[in-house]
Amino acid sequence: MYNYKELIVWQKSMDLVEKVYTATASFPLEEKFGLTSQIRRCAVSIPSNIAEGAGRKSKKVFRNFLEISNGSINELKTQLEISKRIGFLTKDELESIFDLCDEIQKITITLIKKYSDF
């Protein structure tokens, strides 16, 4: 349906993945299979769901994948907030990632609304 690589929301989501990987690189080693892994998987799921939805044949299905992606952003923000509260992230790191999350969510919600008539 769409070339996902041309979608701004996918491109920004890929930037988010890079930012998350960089931020979690300094997490304690004992969190490698815990919070670090969970945060990274969650971040990766955002552009992955956008790409999968874009490859489907209907706008309705694409909208559903956008909704899943939007939910993953909320999940990611929760995990990052936990990371800040327990001292793994600074306030500045958290805010920088949240700013990008918020930007992606605005685009995602706009697209969801655009395709809500299908």
Protein backbone atom coordinates (compact mmCIF):
# COMPACT_ATOMS: atom_id res chain seq x y z
CA MET A 1 0.00 0.00 0.00
CA TYR A 2 2.75 2.46 0.98
CA ASN A 3 6.51 2.49 0.74
CA TYR A 4 7.12 2.55 4.48
CA LYS A 5 10.60 4.05 4.08
CA GLU A 6 9.05 7.19 2.64
CA LEU A 7 6.77 7.70 5.64
CA ILE A 8 8.03 10.46 7.96
CA VAL A 9 6.55 8.61 10.93
CA TRP A 10 8.63 5.52 10.10
CA GLN A 11 11.79 7.60 9.62
CA LYS A 12 11.32 9.36 12.96
CA SER A 13 10.58 6.01 14.62
CA MET A 14 13.88 4.70 13.32
CA ASP A 15 15.59 7.76 14.83
CA LEU A 16 13.85 6.89 18.09
CA VAL A 17 15.24 3.35 18.01
CA GLU A 18 18.77 4.71 17.60
CA LYS A 19 18.25 7.17 20.46
CA VAL A 20 16.89 4.43 22.72
CA TYR A 21 19.77 2.09 21.97
CA THR A 22 22.26 4.85 22.75
CA ALA A 23 20.50 5.77 26.00
CA THR A 24 20.25 2.17 27.21
CA ALA A 25 23.88 1.33 26.38
CA SER A 26 24.91 2.62 29.79
CA PHE A 27 22.31 0.64 31.74
CA PRO A 28 23.72 -1.84 34.27
CA LEU A 29 24.85 -5.15 32.82
CA GLU A 30 22.44 -7.05 35.08
CA GLU A 31 19.58 -5.33 33.21
CA LYS A 32 20.72 -6.68 29.82
CA PHE A 33 17.96 -9.30 29.79
CA GLY A 34 15.53 -7.23 31.83
CA LEU A 35 14.62 -3.61 31.39
CA THR A 36 17.23 -2.91 28.69
CA SER A 37 15.94 -5.71 26.49
CA GLN A 38 12.31 -4.82 27.10
CA ILE A 39 12.85 -1.14 26.26
CA ARG A 40 14.77 -1.95 23.10
CA ARG A 41 12.20 -4.48 21.89
CA CYS A 42 9.44 -1.98 22.53
CA ALA A 43 11.25 0.76 20.59
CA VAL A 44 11.91 -1.61 17.67
CA SER A 45 8.23 -2.58 17.56
CA ILE A 46 7.20 0.99 16.74
CA PRO A 47 8.72 1.30 13.24
CA SER A 48 8.20 -2.43 12.69
CA ASN A 49 4.43 -2.13 13.12
CA ILE A 50 4.33 0.95 10.91
CA ALA A 51 6.23 -0.94 8.19
CA GLU A 52 4.04 -4.02 8.52
CA GLY A 53 0.85 -1.99 8.35
CA ALA A 54 2.09 -0.03 5.36
CA GLY A 55 2.62 -3.32 3.54
CA ARG A 56 -0.96 -4.44 3.99
CA LYS A 57 -3.64 -3.99 1.37
CA SER A 58 -6.12 -1.79 3.19
CA LYS A 59 -6.11 1.52 4.98
CA LYS A 60 -8.19 0.01 7.77
CA VAL A 61 -5.51 -2.58 8.51
CA PHE A 62 -2.81 0.09 8.27
CA ARG A 63 -4.74 2.13 10.85
CA ASN A 64 -4.83 -0.88 13.19
CA PHE A 65 -1.04 -1.23 12.97
CA LEU A 66 -0.69 2.50 13.64
CA GLU A 67 -2.81 2.04 16.76
CA ILE A 68 -0.55 -0.80 17.90
CA SER A 69 2.47 1.40 17.26
CA ASN A 70 0.90 4.20 19.27
CA GLY A 71 0.33 1.81 22.16
CA SER A 72 3.96 0.76 21.97
CA ILE A 73 5.01 4.40 22.33
CA ASN A 74 3.03 4.64 25.57
CA GLU A 75 4.59 1.40 26.76
CA LEU A 76 8.05 2.71 25.90
CA LYS A 77 7.44 5.98 27.70
CA THR A 78 6.40 4.06 30.81
CA GLN A 79 9.52 1.89 30.73
CA LEU A 80 11.72 4.95 30.22
CA GLU A 81 10.03 6.74 33.12
CA ILE A 82 10.78 3.71 35.30
CA SER A 83 14.40 3.88 34.12
CA LYS A 84 14.63 7.52 35.15
CA ARG A 85 13.02 6.87 38.54
CA ILE A 86 15.54 4.15 39.38
CA GLY A 87 18.46 6.25 38.19
CA PHE A 88 19.32 4.69 34.83
CA LEU A 89 18.40 7.80 32.81
CA THR A 90 18.88 11.48 33.50
CA LYS A 91 16.04 13.96 33.28
CA ASP A 92 17.59 15.44 30.12
CA GLU A 93 17.92 12.04 28.43
CA LEU A 94 14.32 11.23 29.28
CA GLU A 95 13.00 14.56 28.01
CA SER A 96 14.94 14.25 24.76
CA ILE A 97 13.48 10.83 24.06
CA PHE A 98 10.00 11.91 25.18
CA ASP A 99 10.12 14.87 22.78
CA LEU A 100 10.69 12.49 19.87
CA CYS A 101 8.03 10.10 21.18
CA ASP A 102 5.53 12.95 21.37
CA GLU A 103 6.35 14.03 17.82
CA ILE A 104 5.86 10.49 16.54
CA GLN A 105 2.59 10.15 18.45
CA LYS A 106 1.23 13.35 16.95
CA ILE A 107 1.92 12.07 13.44
CA THR A 108 0.55 8.63 14.28
CA ILE A 109 -2.66 10.02 15.76
CA THR A 110 -3.13 12.28 12.73
CA LEU A 111 -2.80 9.25 10.44
CA ILE A 112 -5.17 7.20 12.60
CA LYS A 113 -7.77 9.96 12.36
CA LYS A 114 -7.19 10.24 8.62
CA TYR A 115 -7.97 6.55 8.15
CA SER A 116 -10.76 6.27 10.74
CA ASP A 117 -13.44 6.50 8.06
CA PHE A 118 -12.38 3.18 6.55
